[in-house]
Amino acid sequence: MLKHIVMWRFVDGAANKSRVEHARYIKEHLEALVGVVPDIISMEVGVNENPSATGYDAVLISTFENSEALGRYKIHPAHQAVAAYFKEVCELRADVDYEF
């Protein structure tokens, strides 16, 4: 099993939305991928309740069978549509993948 964790900091004002609005948009659209992208075993998206200058705005914690399944998720058209939004509004991104 593979855990895939990503954190984002968004650009305040990009696409006329605040960092919190971007985080809420991402939460809604990523969680909507469950049941659409068959490789997702579990997915949780959190919006930071205590934003700070050094913090991240949102976090994704997801589970996949293995790295191949994660790879299929990344290229799935539904994920690509959400990822396109990230590219427009993301200031900083950090990620980690680990087996468990």
C-alpha atoms as a PDB file:
ATOM      1  CA  MET A   1       0.000   0.000   0.000  1.00  0.00           C
ATOM      2  CA  LEU A   2       1.151   3.516  -0.767  1.00  0.00           C
ATOM      3  CA  LYS A   3       0.295   6.695   1.111  1.00  0.00           C
ATOM      4  CA  HIS A   4       0.383   9.867  -1.029  1.00  0.00           C
ATOM      5  CA  ILE A   5       0.436  13.163   0.896  1.00  0.00           C
ATOM      6  CA  VAL A   6       0.486  16.603  -0.707  1.00  0.00           C
ATOM      7  CA  MET A   7       0.331  20.075   0.842  1.00  0.00           C
ATOM      8  CA  TRP A   8      -0.331  23.315  -1.014  1.00  0.00           C
ATOM      9  CA  ARG A   9       0.003  27.008  -0.358  1.00  0.00           C
ATOM     10  CA  PHE A  10      -2.133  29.054  -2.718  1.00  0.00           C
ATOM     11  CA  VAL A  11      -1.676  32.548  -4.110  1.00  0.00           C
ATOM     12  CA  ASP A  12      -4.029  34.951  -2.388  1.00  0.00           C
ATOM     13  CA  GLY A  13      -6.075  36.744  -5.048  1.00  0.00           C
ATOM     14  CA  ALA A  14      -5.247  34.388  -7.923  1.00  0.00           C
ATOM     15  CA  ALA A  15      -8.365  33.800 -10.038  1.00  0.00           C
ATOM     16  CA  ASN A  16     -10.063  36.363  -7.762  1.00  0.00           C
ATOM     17  CA  LYS A  17     -10.158  33.959  -4.793  1.00  0.00           C
ATOM     18  CA  SER A  18      -8.565  33.961  -1.368  1.00  0.00           C
ATOM     19  CA  ARG A  19      -6.201  31.224  -0.210  1.00  0.00           C
ATOM     20  CA  VAL A  20      -9.036  29.719   1.859  1.00  0.00           C
ATOM     21  CA  GLU A  21     -11.403  29.764  -1.134  1.00  0.00           C
ATOM     22  CA  HIS A  22      -8.774  27.946  -3.214  1.00  0.00           C
ATOM     23  CA  ALA A  23      -8.373  25.337  -0.461  1.00  0.00           C
ATOM     24  CA  ARG A  24     -12.130  24.773  -0.246  1.00  0.00           C
ATOM     25  CA  TYR A  25     -12.381  24.488  -4.045  1.00  0.00           C
ATOM     26  CA  ILE A  26      -9.585  21.911  -4.094  1.00  0.00           C
ATOM     27  CA  LYS A  27     -11.158  19.945  -1.246  1.00  0.00           C
ATOM     28  CA  GLU A  28     -14.492  19.745  -3.065  1.00  0.00           C
ATOM     29  CA  HIS A  29     -13.008  18.800  -6.427  1.00  0.00           C
ATOM     30  CA  LEU A  30     -10.414  16.290  -5.206  1.00  0.00           C
ATOM     31  CA  GLU A  31     -12.891  14.468  -2.966  1.00  0.00           C
ATOM     32  CA  ALA A  32     -15.253  14.263  -5.956  1.00  0.00           C
ATOM     33  CA  LEU A  33     -12.657  12.027  -7.656  1.00  0.00           C
ATOM     34  CA  VAL A  34     -13.455   9.174  -5.257  1.00  0.00           C
ATOM     35  CA  GLY A  35     -15.558   6.717  -7.227  1.00  0.00           C
ATOM     36  CA  VAL A  36     -14.511   8.357 -10.503  1.00  0.00           C
ATOM     37  CA  VAL A  37     -10.830   7.397 -10.468  1.00  0.00           C
ATOM     38  CA  PRO A  38     -10.838   3.656  -9.732  1.00  0.00           C
ATOM     39  CA  ASP A  39      -7.324   3.505  -8.240  1.00  0.00           C
ATOM     40  CA  ILE A  40      -8.176   5.666  -5.221  1.00  0.00           C
ATOM     41  CA  ILE A  41      -8.534   3.493  -2.117  1.00  0.00           C
ATOM     42  CA  SER A  42      -9.060   6.418   0.247  1.00  0.00           C
ATOM     43  CA  MET A  43      -8.791  10.187   0.084  1.00  0.00           C
ATOM     44  CA  GLU A  44      -9.050  12.928   2.651  1.00  0.00           C
ATOM     45  CA  VAL A  45      -8.523  16.629   1.979  1.00  0.00           C
ATOM     46  CA  GLY A  46      -8.136  19.070   4.851  1.00  0.00           C
ATOM     47  CA  VAL A  47      -8.334  22.849   4.836  1.00  0.00           C
ATOM     48  CA  ASN A  48      -5.970  24.505   7.307  1.00  0.00           C
ATOM     49  CA  GLU A  49      -7.999  25.952  10.170  1.00  0.00           C
ATOM     50  CA  ASN A  50      -5.079  28.068  11.401  1.00  0.00           C
ATOM     51  CA  PRO A  51      -3.513  29.719   8.331  1.00  0.00           C
ATOM     52  CA  SER A  52      -0.160  31.408   8.825  1.00  0.00           C
ATOM     53  CA  ALA A  53       2.542  32.969   6.683  1.00  0.00           C
ATOM     54  CA  THR A  54       4.634  29.788   6.897  1.00  0.00           C
ATOM     55  CA  GLY A  55       1.813  27.250   6.808  1.00  0.00           C
ATOM     56  CA  TYR A  56       0.121  25.422   3.994  1.00  0.00           C
ATOM     57  CA  ASP A  57      -3.510  25.993   3.048  1.00  0.00           C
ATOM     58  CA  ALA A  58      -4.611  22.437   2.256  1.00  0.00           C
ATOM     59  CA  VAL A  59      -3.427  18.857   2.609  1.00  0.00           C
ATOM     60  CA  LEU A  60      -4.304  15.698   0.700  1.00  0.00           C
ATOM     61  CA  ILE A  61      -3.880  12.293   2.338  1.00  0.00           C
ATOM     62  CA  SER A  62      -4.650   9.470  -0.056  1.00  0.00           C
ATOM     63  CA  THR A  63      -4.044   5.748  -0.331  1.00  0.00           C
ATOM     64  CA  PHE A  64      -3.250   3.648  -3.396  1.00  0.00           C
ATOM     65  CA  GLU A  65      -2.380  -0.010  -3.893  1.00  0.00           C
ATOM     66  CA  ASN A  66       1.098   0.828  -5.205  1.00  0.00           C
ATOM     67  CA  SER A  67       3.100   3.392  -7.198  1.00  0.00           C
ATOM     68  CA  GLU A  68       1.627   2.151 -10.478  1.00  0.00           C
ATOM     69  CA  ALA A  69      -1.890   2.895  -9.195  1.00  0.00           C
ATOM     70  CA  LEU A  70      -0.738   6.349  -8.104  1.00  0.00           C
ATOM     71  CA  GLY A  71       0.690   6.882 -11.579  1.00  0.00           C
ATOM     72  CA  ARG A  72      -2.638   5.984 -13.189  1.00  0.00           C
ATOM     73  CA  TYR A  73      -4.409   8.413 -10.829  1.00  0.00           C
ATOM     74  CA  LYS A  74      -2.046  11.216 -11.798  1.00  0.00           C
ATOM     75  CA  ILE A  75      -2.756  10.838 -15.530  1.00  0.00           C
ATOM     76  CA  HIS A  76      -6.499  10.168 -15.217  1.00  0.00           C
ATOM     77  CA  PRO A  77      -8.404  12.911 -17.110  1.00  0.00           C
ATOM     78  CA  ALA A  78     -10.545  13.778 -14.073  1.00  0.00           C
ATOM     79  CA  HIS A  79      -7.423  14.327 -11.949  1.00  0.00           C
ATOM     80  CA  GLN A  80      -5.744  16.263 -14.757  1.00  0.00           C
ATOM     81  CA  ALA A  81      -8.703  18.678 -14.799  1.00  0.00           C
ATOM     82  CA  VAL A  82      -8.225  19.425 -11.086  1.00  0.00           C
ATOM     83  CA  ALA A  83      -4.435  19.573 -11.461  1.00  0.00           C
ATOM     84  CA  ALA A  84      -4.803  22.286 -14.118  1.00  0.00           C
ATOM     85  CA  TYR A  85      -6.419  24.507 -11.473  1.00  0.00           C
ATOM     86  CA  PHE A  86      -3.517  23.873  -9.090  1.00  0.00           C
ATOM     87  CA  LYS A  87      -1.032  25.089 -11.672  1.00  0.00           C
ATOM     88  CA  GLU A  88      -2.833  28.424 -11.912  1.00  0.00           C
ATOM     89  CA  VAL A  89      -3.202  29.165  -8.195  1.00  0.00           C
ATOM     90  CA  CYS A  90      -0.454  27.272  -6.351  1.00  0.00           C
ATOM     91  CA  GLU A  91       2.468  29.145  -4.821  1.00  0.00           C
ATOM     92  CA  LEU A  92       4.154  26.222  -3.057  1.00  0.00           C
ATOM     93  CA  ARG A  93       3.703  22.451  -3.039  1.00  0.00           C
ATOM     94  CA  ALA A  94       5.242  19.688  -0.917  1.00  0.00           C
ATOM     95  CA  ASP A  95       4.620  15.970  -1.242  1.00  0.00           C
ATOM     96  CA  VAL A  96       5.690  12.601   0.107  1.00  0.00           C
ATOM     97  CA  ASP A  97       4.850   9.044  -0.926  1.00  0.00           C
ATOM     98  CA  TYR A  98       5.620   6.085   1.326  1.00  0.00           C
ATOM     99  CA  GLU A  99       4.806   2.395   1.538  1.00  0.00           C
ATOM    100  CA  PHE A 100       3.073   1.045   4.617  1.00  0.00           C
END
